[in-house]
C-alpha atoms as a PDB file:
ATOM      1  CA  UNK A   1     -12.422   1.869  19.553  1.00  0.00           C
ATOM      2  CA  UNK A   2     -14.986   4.643  19.103  1.00  0.00           C
ATOM      3  CA  UNK A   3     -12.174   7.185  19.366  1.00  0.00           C
ATOM      4  CA  UNK A   4      -9.968   5.215  16.992  1.00  0.00           C
ATOM      5  CA  UNK A   5     -12.717   4.875  14.369  1.00  0.00           C
ATOM      6  CA  UNK A   6     -13.561   8.580  14.682  1.00  0.00           C
ATOM      7  CA  UNK A   7      -9.927   9.434  13.959  1.00  0.00           C
ATOM      8  CA  UNK A   8      -9.955   6.999  11.046  1.00  0.00           C
ATOM      9  CA  UNK A   9     -13.059   8.650   9.633  1.00  0.00           C
ATOM     10  CA  UNK A  10     -11.346  12.037   9.688  1.00  0.00           C
ATOM     11  CA  UNK A  11      -8.413  10.613   7.706  1.00  0.00           C
ATOM     12  CA  UNK A  12     -10.742   9.147   5.058  1.00  0.00           C
ATOM     13  CA  UNK A  13     -12.677  12.408   4.665  1.00  0.00           C
ATOM     14  CA  UNK A  14      -9.446  14.372   4.480  1.00  0.00           C
ATOM     15  CA  UNK A  15      -8.071  12.230   1.676  1.00  0.00           C
ATOM     16  CA  UNK A  16     -11.133  12.682  -0.526  1.00  0.00           C
ATOM     17  CA  UNK A  17     -11.159  16.431   0.141  1.00  0.00           C
ATOM     18  CA  UNK A  18      -7.598  16.752  -1.069  1.00  0.00           C
ATOM     19  CA  UNK A  19      -6.131  16.199  -4.543  1.00  0.00           C
ATOM     20  CA  UNK A  20      -5.800  12.473  -3.953  1.00  0.00           C
ATOM     21  CA  UNK A  21      -9.403  11.940  -4.983  1.00  0.00           C
ATOM     22  CA  UNK A  22      -8.979  13.903  -8.222  1.00  0.00           C
ATOM     23  CA  UNK A  23      -5.737  12.091  -9.044  1.00  0.00           C
ATOM     24  CA  UNK A  24      -7.579   8.821  -8.476  1.00  0.00           C
ATOM     25  CA  UNK A  25     -10.380   9.957 -10.774  1.00  0.00           C
ATOM     26  CA  UNK A  26      -7.996  10.967 -13.581  1.00  0.00           C
ATOM     27  CA  UNK A  27      -6.013   7.735 -13.314  1.00  0.00           C
ATOM     28  CA  UNK A  28      -9.234   5.745 -13.387  1.00  0.00           C
ATOM     29  CA  UNK A  29     -10.328   7.547 -16.569  1.00  0.00           C
ATOM     30  CA  UNK A  30      -6.924   6.855 -18.174  1.00  0.00           C
ATOM     31  CA  UNK A  31      -7.158   3.201 -17.223  1.00  0.00           C
ATOM     32  CA  UNK A  32     -10.711   3.087 -18.570  1.00  0.00           C
ATOM     33  CA  UNK A  33      -9.641   4.489 -21.938  1.00  0.00           C
ATOM     34  CA  UNK A  34      -6.786   1.997 -22.169  1.00  0.00           C
ATOM     35  CA  UNK A  35      -9.064  -0.913 -21.381  1.00  0.00           C
ATOM     36  CA  UNK A  36     -11.694   0.385 -23.823  1.00  0.00           C
ATOM     37  CA  UNK A  37      -9.273   0.108 -26.735  1.00  0.00           C
ATOM     38  CA  UNK A  38      -7.572  -3.129 -25.762  1.00  0.00           C
ATOM     39  CA  UNK A  39      -9.143  -5.050 -28.694  1.00  0.00           C
ATOM     40  CA  UNK A  40      -7.987  -2.452 -31.189  1.00  0.00           C
ATOM     41  CA  UNK A  41      -6.154  -4.990 -33.364  1.00  0.00           C
ATOM     42  CA  UNK A  42      -8.239  -7.995 -32.314  1.00  0.00           C
ATOM     43  CA  UNK A  43      -5.047  -9.528 -30.973  1.00  0.00           C
ATOM     44  CA  UNK A  44      -5.098 -11.462 -27.723  1.00  0.00           C
ATOM     45  CA  UNK A  45      -1.501 -10.419 -27.015  1.00  0.00           C
ATOM     46  CA  UNK A  46      -2.553  -6.772 -27.204  1.00  0.00           C
ATOM     47  CA  UNK A  47      -5.262  -7.509 -24.642  1.00  0.00           C
ATOM     48  CA  UNK A  48      -2.725  -9.010 -22.264  1.00  0.00           C
ATOM     49  CA  UNK A  49      -0.358  -6.060 -22.611  1.00  0.00           C
ATOM     50  CA  UNK A  50      -3.097  -3.520 -21.960  1.00  0.00           C
ATOM     51  CA  UNK A  51      -4.252  -5.457 -18.920  1.00  0.00           C
ATOM     52  CA  UNK A  52      -0.669  -5.438 -17.669  1.00  0.00           C
ATOM     53  CA  UNK A  53      -0.421  -1.666 -18.151  1.00  0.00           C
ATOM     54  CA  UNK A  54      -3.729  -1.097 -16.373  1.00  0.00           C
ATOM     55  CA  UNK A  55      -2.671  -3.226 -13.393  1.00  0.00           C
ATOM     56  CA  UNK A  56       0.676  -1.428 -13.257  1.00  0.00           C
ATOM     57  CA  UNK A  57      -1.233   1.869 -13.067  1.00  0.00           C
ATOM     58  CA  UNK A  58      -3.246   0.449 -10.184  1.00  0.00           C
ATOM     59  CA  UNK A  59      -0.085  -0.539  -8.302  1.00  0.00           C
ATOM     60  CA  UNK A  60       1.652   2.778  -8.849  1.00  0.00           C
ATOM     61  CA  UNK A  61      -1.381   4.880  -7.937  1.00  0.00           C
ATOM     62  CA  UNK A  62      -2.111   2.763  -4.846  1.00  0.00           C
ATOM     63  CA  UNK A  63       1.468   3.171  -3.598  1.00  0.00           C
ATOM     64  CA  UNK A  64       1.429   6.922  -4.250  1.00  0.00           C
ATOM     65  CA  UNK A  65      -1.877   7.334  -2.416  1.00  0.00           C
ATOM     66  CA  UNK A  66      -0.775   5.131   0.517  1.00  0.00           C
ATOM     67  CA  UNK A  67       2.605   6.809   0.979  1.00  0.00           C
ATOM     68  CA  UNK A  68       1.342  10.343   0.363  1.00  0.00           C
ATOM     69  CA  UNK A  69      -1.622   9.982   2.716  1.00  0.00           C
ATOM     70  CA  UNK A  70       0.288   8.348   5.574  1.00  0.00           C
ATOM     71  CA  UNK A  71       3.341  10.619   5.318  1.00  0.00           C
ATOM     72  CA  UNK A  72       1.432  13.806   6.099  1.00  0.00           C
ATOM     73  CA  UNK A  73      -0.739  12.585   8.983  1.00  0.00           C
ATOM     74  CA  UNK A  74       1.389  13.231  12.083  1.00  0.00           C
ATOM     75  CA  UNK A  75       3.431  16.152  10.639  1.00  0.00           C
ATOM     76  CA  UNK A  76       0.232  17.914   9.540  1.00  0.00           C
ATOM     77  CA  UNK A  77      -1.262  17.575  13.029  1.00  0.00           C
ATOM     78  CA  UNK A  78       1.919  18.975  14.558  1.00  0.00           C
ATOM     79  CA  UNK A  79       2.182  21.830  12.069  1.00  0.00           C
ATOM     80  CA  UNK A  80      -1.441  22.865  12.574  1.00  0.00           C
ATOM     81  CA  UNK A  81      -0.987  22.311  16.346  1.00  0.00           C
ATOM     82  CA  UNK A  82      -4.218  20.298  16.415  1.00  0.00           C
ATOM     83  CA  UNK A  83      -2.347  17.415  18.029  1.00  0.00           C
ATOM     84  CA  UNK A  84      -2.352  19.213  21.410  1.00  0.00           C
ATOM     85  CA  UNK A  85      -6.133  19.612  21.856  1.00  0.00           C
ATOM     86  CA  UNK A  86      -6.536  16.126  20.385  1.00  0.00           C
ATOM     87  CA  UNK A  87      -4.323  14.567  23.064  1.00  0.00           C
ATOM     88  CA  UNK A  88      -6.053  16.648  25.727  1.00  0.00           C
ATOM     89  CA  UNK A  89      -9.492  15.014  25.071  1.00  0.00           C
ATOM     90  CA  UNK A  90      -7.963  12.756  26.517  1.00  0.00           C
ATOM     91  CA  UNK A  91      -6.794  10.636  23.607  1.00  0.00           C
ATOM     92  CA  UNK A  92      -3.678   8.521  23.981  1.00  0.00           C
ATOM     93  CA  UNK A  93      -0.873   8.571  21.470  1.00  0.00           C
ATOM     94  CA  UNK A  94      -1.511   4.897  20.811  1.00  0.00           C
ATOM     95  CA  UNK A  95      -5.106   5.677  19.825  1.00  0.00           C
ATOM     96  CA  UNK A  96      -3.906   8.469  17.542  1.00  0.00           C
ATOM     97  CA  UNK A  97      -1.427   6.173  15.819  1.00  0.00           C
ATOM     98  CA  UNK A  98      -3.938   3.327  15.475  1.00  0.00           C
ATOM     99  CA  UNK A  99      -6.638   5.687  14.201  1.00  0.00           C
ATOM    100  CA  UNK A 100      -4.273   7.145  11.610  1.00  0.00           C
ATOM    101  CA  UNK A 101      -3.287   3.666  10.460  1.00  0.00           C
ATOM    102  CA  UNK A 102      -6.857   2.381  10.139  1.00  0.00           C
ATOM    103  CA  UNK A 103      -7.942   5.563   8.368  1.00  0.00           C
ATOM    104  CA  UNK A 104      -5.088   5.460   5.853  1.00  0.00           C
ATOM    105  CA  UNK A 105      -5.504   1.732   5.259  1.00  0.00           C
ATOM    106  CA  UNK A 106      -9.278   1.968   4.746  1.00  0.00           C
ATOM    107  CA  UNK A 107      -8.862   4.986   2.466  1.00  0.00           C
ATOM    108  CA  UNK A 108      -6.350   3.021   0.375  1.00  0.00           C
ATOM    109  CA  UNK A 109      -8.770   0.097   0.272  1.00  0.00           C
ATOM    110  CA  UNK A 110     -11.610   2.289  -0.986  1.00  0.00           C
ATOM    111  CA  UNK A 111      -9.394   3.808  -3.677  1.00  0.00           C
ATOM    112  CA  UNK A 112      -8.110   0.371  -4.649  1.00  0.00           C
ATOM    113  CA  UNK A 113     -11.658  -0.988  -4.844  1.00  0.00           C
ATOM    114  CA  UNK A 114     -12.619   1.764  -7.303  1.00  0.00           C
ATOM    115  CA  UNK A 115      -9.727   0.796  -9.567  1.00  0.00           C
ATOM    116  CA  UNK A 116     -10.526  -2.897  -9.463  1.00  0.00           C
ATOM    117  CA  UNK A 117     -14.247  -2.371 -10.049  1.00  0.00           C
ATOM    118  CA  UNK A 118     -13.516  -0.338 -13.187  1.00  0.00           C
ATOM    119  CA  UNK A 119     -10.872  -2.833 -14.276  1.00  0.00           C
ATOM    120  CA  UNK A 120     -13.178  -5.800 -13.682  1.00  0.00           C
ATOM    121  CA  UNK A 121     -16.189  -4.310 -15.464  1.00  0.00           C
ATOM    122  CA  UNK A 122     -14.265  -3.269 -18.557  1.00  0.00           C
ATOM    123  CA  UNK A 123     -12.085  -6.380 -18.711  1.00  0.00           C
ATOM    124  CA  UNK A 124     -15.100  -8.656 -18.276  1.00  0.00           C
ATOM    125  CA  UNK A 125     -17.170  -6.811 -20.859  1.00  0.00           C
ATOM    126  CA  UNK A 126     -14.376  -7.054 -23.441  1.00  0.00           C
ATOM    127  CA  UNK A 127     -13.229 -10.625 -22.828  1.00  0.00           C
ATOM    128  CA  UNK A 128     -16.616 -11.952 -21.709  1.00  0.00           C
ATOM    129  CA  UNK A 129     -14.893 -13.591 -18.751  1.00  0.00           C
ATOM    130  CA  UNK A 130     -15.677 -12.773 -15.134  1.00  0.00           C
ATOM    131  CA  UNK A 131     -13.007 -14.365 -12.874  1.00  0.00           C
ATOM    132  CA  UNK A 132     -14.282 -12.498  -9.833  1.00  0.00           C
ATOM    133  CA  UNK A 133     -12.511 -14.787  -7.378  1.00  0.00           C
ATOM    134  CA  UNK A 134      -9.140 -14.118  -9.012  1.00  0.00           C
ATOM    135  CA  UNK A 135      -9.770 -10.375  -8.912  1.00  0.00           C
ATOM    136  CA  UNK A 136     -10.756 -10.638  -5.251  1.00  0.00           C
ATOM    137  CA  UNK A 137      -7.596 -12.559  -4.406  1.00  0.00           C
ATOM    138  CA  UNK A 138      -5.367 -10.011  -6.151  1.00  0.00           C
ATOM    139  CA  UNK A 139      -7.229  -7.145  -4.492  1.00  0.00           C
ATOM    140  CA  UNK A 140      -6.984  -8.667  -1.003  1.00  0.00           C
ATOM    141  CA  UNK A 141      -3.276  -9.356  -1.350  1.00  0.00           C
ATOM    142  CA  UNK A 142      -2.501  -5.867  -2.607  1.00  0.00           C
ATOM    143  CA  UNK A 143      -4.581  -4.276   0.142  1.00  0.00           C
ATOM    144  CA  UNK A 144      -2.781  -6.372   2.766  1.00  0.00           C
ATOM    145  CA  UNK A 145       0.548  -5.261   1.317  1.00  0.00           C
ATOM    146  CA  UNK A 146      -0.551  -1.632   1.576  1.00  0.00           C
ATOM    147  CA  UNK A 147      -1.038  -2.193   5.315  1.00  0.00           C
ATOM    148  CA  UNK A 148       2.714  -2.839   5.609  1.00  0.00           C
ATOM    149  CA  UNK A 149       3.462   0.246   3.519  1.00  0.00           C
ATOM    150  CA  UNK A 150       1.185   2.487   5.603  1.00  0.00           C
ATOM    151  CA  UNK A 151       2.749   1.225   8.861  1.00  0.00           C
ATOM    152  CA  UNK A 152       6.239   1.827   7.480  1.00  0.00           C
ATOM    153  CA  UNK A 153       5.379   5.375   6.411  1.00  0.00           C
ATOM    154  CA  UNK A 154       3.757   6.167   9.769  1.00  0.00           C
ATOM    155  CA  UNK A 155       6.960   5.004  11.456  1.00  0.00           C
ATOM    156  CA  UNK A 156       8.905   7.270   9.139  1.00  0.00           C
ATOM    157  CA  UNK A 157       6.589  10.188   9.944  1.00  0.00           C
ATOM    158  CA  UNK A 158       7.702  10.157  13.598  1.00  0.00           C
ATOM    159  CA  UNK A 159      11.366   9.627  12.702  1.00  0.00           C
ATOM    160  CA  UNK A 160      11.874  12.134   9.881  1.00  0.00           C
ATOM    161  CA  UNK A 161      10.979  15.767  10.353  1.00  0.00           C
ATOM    162  CA  UNK A 162       9.822  16.555   6.797  1.00  0.00           C
ATOM    163  CA  UNK A 163       6.938  14.680   5.128  1.00  0.00           C
ATOM    164  CA  UNK A 164       8.643  15.015   1.739  1.00  0.00           C
ATOM    165  CA  UNK A 165      11.813  13.306   3.008  1.00  0.00           C
ATOM    166  CA  UNK A 166       9.768  10.563   4.640  1.00  0.00           C
ATOM    167  CA  UNK A 167       7.702   9.959   1.496  1.00  0.00           C
ATOM    168  CA  UNK A 168      10.794   9.897  -0.732  1.00  0.00           C
ATOM    169  CA  UNK A 169      12.744   7.518   1.505  1.00  0.00           C
ATOM    170  CA  UNK A 170       9.770   5.192   1.993  1.00  0.00           C
ATOM    171  CA  UNK A 171       9.015   5.156  -1.732  1.00  0.00           C
ATOM    172  CA  UNK A 172      12.634   4.227  -2.506  1.00  0.00           C
ATOM    173  CA  UNK A 173      12.599   1.515   0.183  1.00  0.00           C
ATOM    174  CA  UNK A 174       9.304   0.051  -1.054  1.00  0.00           C
ATOM    175  CA  UNK A 175      10.425   0.057  -4.693  1.00  0.00           C
ATOM    176  CA  UNK A 176      13.754  -1.463  -3.673  1.00  0.00           C
ATOM    177  CA  UNK A 177      11.998  -4.309  -1.862  1.00  0.00           C
ATOM    178  CA  UNK A 178       9.589  -4.892  -4.746  1.00  0.00           C
ATOM    179  CA  UNK A 179      12.364  -4.982  -7.339  1.00  0.00           C
ATOM    180  CA  UNK A 180      15.286  -6.502  -5.427  1.00  0.00           C
ATOM    181  CA  UNK A 181      13.945  -8.066  -2.230  1.00  0.00           C
ATOM    182  CA  UNK A 182      13.363 -11.483  -3.723  1.00  0.00           C
ATOM    183  CA  UNK A 183      16.911 -11.684  -5.135  1.00  0.00           C
ATOM    184  CA  UNK A 184      18.911 -10.801  -2.017  1.00  0.00           C
ATOM    185  CA  UNK A 185      19.388 -14.444  -1.036  1.00  0.00           C
ATOM    186  CA  UNK A 186      21.017 -15.174  -4.418  1.00  0.00           C
ATOM    187  CA  UNK A 187      23.202 -12.084  -4.067  1.00  0.00           C
ATOM    188  CA  UNK A 188      24.212 -13.152  -0.547  1.00  0.00           C
ATOM    189  CA  UNK A 189      25.297 -16.589  -1.778  1.00  0.00           C
ATOM    190  CA  UNK A 190      27.802 -14.953  -4.137  1.00  0.00           C
ATOM    191  CA  UNK A 191      29.324 -12.586  -1.571  1.00  0.00           C
ATOM    192  CA  UNK A 192      32.297 -13.260   0.721  1.00  0.00           C
ATOM    193  CA  UNK A 193      31.798 -13.408   4.471  1.00  0.00           C
ATOM    194  CA  UNK A 194      30.770 -11.546   6.552  1.00  0.00           C
ATOM    195  CA  UNK A 195      29.004  -9.507   3.830  1.00  0.00           C
ATOM    196  CA  UNK A 196      27.018 -12.547   2.726  1.00  0.00           C
ATOM    197  CA  UNK A 197      25.692 -13.085   6.248  1.00  0.00           C
ATOM    198  CA  UNK A 198      24.668  -9.433   6.512  1.00  0.00           C
ATOM    199  CA  UNK A 199      22.761  -9.607   3.218  1.00  0.00           C
ATOM    200  CA  UNK A 200      21.101 -12.856   4.317  1.00  0.00           C
ATOM    201  CA  UNK A 201      20.004 -11.129   7.542  1.00  0.00           C
ATOM    202  CA  UNK A 202      18.522  -8.262   5.552  1.00  0.00           C
ATOM    203  CA  UNK A 203      16.742 -10.761   3.313  1.00  0.00           C
ATOM    204  CA  UNK A 204      15.046 -12.451   6.279  1.00  0.00           C
ATOM    205  CA  UNK A 205      14.266  -9.221   8.155  1.00  0.00           C
ATOM    206  CA  UNK A 206      12.614  -7.143   5.425  1.00  0.00           C
ATOM    207  CA  UNK A 207       8.912  -7.571   4.625  1.00  0.00           C
ATOM    208  CA  UNK A 208       8.747  -9.289   1.242  1.00  0.00           C
ATOM    209  CA  UNK A 209       6.302  -7.047  -0.564  1.00  0.00           C
ATOM    210  CA  UNK A 210       7.113  -8.714  -3.878  1.00  0.00           C
ATOM    211  CA  UNK A 211       5.201 -11.821  -2.733  1.00  0.00           C
ATOM    212  CA  UNK A 212       1.975  -9.828  -3.074  1.00  0.00           C
ATOM    213  CA  UNK A 213       2.537  -8.921  -6.716  1.00  0.00           C
ATOM    214  CA  UNK A 214       0.346 -11.580  -8.342  1.00  0.00           C
ATOM    215  CA  UNK A 215      -0.792  -9.566 -11.344  1.00  0.00           C
ATOM    216  CA  UNK A 216      -0.049 -12.520 -13.619  1.00  0.00           C
ATOM    217  CA  UNK A 217      -3.056 -14.208 -12.041  1.00  0.00           C
ATOM    218  CA  UNK A 218      -5.265 -11.744 -13.937  1.00  0.00           C
ATOM    219  CA  UNK A 219      -3.074 -11.051 -16.970  1.00  0.00           C
ATOM    220  CA  UNK A 220      -2.770 -14.695 -17.988  1.00  0.00           C
ATOM    221  CA  UNK A 221      -6.095 -15.877 -16.498  1.00  0.00           C
ATOM    222  CA  UNK A 222      -4.396 -18.231 -14.060  1.00  0.00           C
ATOM    223  CA  UNK A 223      -6.062 -19.845 -11.074  1.00  0.00           C
ATOM    224  CA  UNK A 224      -3.148 -21.287  -9.126  1.00  0.00           C
ATOM    225  CA  UNK A 225      -3.505 -19.256  -5.929  1.00  0.00           C
ATOM    226  CA  UNK A 226      -5.465 -20.962  -3.145  1.00  0.00           C
ATOM    227  CA  UNK A 227      -7.454 -19.130  -0.490  1.00  0.00           C
ATOM    228  CA  UNK A 228      -5.265 -20.777   2.174  1.00  0.00           C
ATOM    229  CA  UNK A 229      -2.211 -19.161   0.566  1.00  0.00           C
ATOM    230  CA  UNK A 230      -4.002 -15.808   0.533  1.00  0.00           C
ATOM    231  CA  UNK A 231      -4.843 -16.218   4.221  1.00  0.00           C
ATOM    232  CA  UNK A 232      -1.236 -16.971   5.137  1.00  0.00           C
ATOM    233  CA  UNK A 233      -0.021 -13.990   3.106  1.00  0.00           C
ATOM    234  CA  UNK A 234      -2.552 -11.704   4.816  1.00  0.00           C
ATOM    235  CA  UNK A 235      -1.435 -13.038   8.223  1.00  0.00           C
ATOM    236  CA  UNK A 236       2.198 -12.346   7.285  1.00  0.00           C
ATOM    237  CA  UNK A 237       1.250  -8.775   6.312  1.00  0.00           C
ATOM    238  CA  UNK A 238      -0.727  -8.312   9.532  1.00  0.00           C
ATOM    239  CA  UNK A 239       2.257  -9.387  11.654  1.00  0.00           C
ATOM    240  CA  UNK A 240       4.658  -7.028   9.882  1.00  0.00           C
ATOM    241  CA  UNK A 241       2.133  -4.181   9.958  1.00  0.00           C
ATOM    242  CA  UNK A 242       1.641  -4.734  13.679  1.00  0.00           C
ATOM    243  CA  UNK A 243       5.381  -4.764  14.387  1.00  0.00           C
ATOM    244  CA  UNK A 244       5.953  -1.566  12.417  1.00  0.00           C
ATOM    245  CA  UNK A 245       2.959   0.078  14.048  1.00  0.00           C
ATOM    246  CA  UNK A 246       4.187  -0.829  17.544  1.00  0.00           C
ATOM    247  CA  UNK A 247       7.605   0.591  16.636  1.00  0.00           C
ATOM    248  CA  UNK A 248       5.935   3.809  15.427  1.00  0.00           C
ATOM    249  CA  UNK A 249       3.943   4.048  18.669  1.00  0.00           C
ATOM    250  CA  UNK A 250       7.061   3.522  20.821  1.00  0.00           C
ATOM    251  CA  UNK A 251       8.878   6.323  18.994  1.00  0.00           C
ATOM    252  CA  UNK A 252       5.807   8.567  19.007  1.00  0.00           C
ATOM    253  CA  UNK A 253       5.155   8.223  22.743  1.00  0.00           C
ATOM    254  CA  UNK A 254       8.677   9.401  23.542  1.00  0.00           C
ATOM    255  CA  UNK A 255       8.772  12.164  20.956  1.00  0.00           C
ATOM    256  CA  UNK A 256       8.400  15.783  22.007  1.00  0.00           C
ATOM    257  CA  UNK A 257       5.637  17.332  19.918  1.00  0.00           C
ATOM    258  CA  UNK A 258       6.704  20.959  20.363  1.00  0.00           C
ATOM    259  CA  UNK A 259      10.020  20.502  18.542  1.00  0.00           C
END
């Protein structure tokens, strides 16, 4: 675990040395300005809309950071040829993959925490409400969802040769699941066989990332989500992340690094 955490630390430092940190800073400033003017017309509906926009910015930026950071990990090591001395330490390919995952996931969590801290402070100061538990639930669910995304992108990084192709394909897949994943069962019911069965199979096999989009909990000040539900959702994300990570390791251990 010392080796794994050392690799994770390198990933975190690398992300904040690159443009990701500056993009995060700019997006945070934009979100701050939006939240600062959310009572411009003293209309509660305006407040809700601005909160929705701010949370949408958080989701988009978190996905961009997660996919962009994970997509370049293995290809960058291969391109710089630093993977060879790294594996000669000796460090196993499983440790490399696990270290990259933990590093990317923790880096995403730190970036996400910055967004939610700014969002919480400004939202609470304007509305004079501090639903910290709701914010924590939304944060934990989104961070768990990012674990699935990072695992998926790491799998793509050992399947596709170009980081740009991997990032594009993974972004399309993630957006497709978020927008359409929850409706596939209804689509399958309207299709003739065997197409309906195939769509049903896809519906049950894909990770349902849309379950983790509980922004309404903050936008409309709802408190319907129990901690037990959060725990089950996090467990679901952990299982899918683990399966994708094992798949990435199996492909990575058989992959020739000099090609």
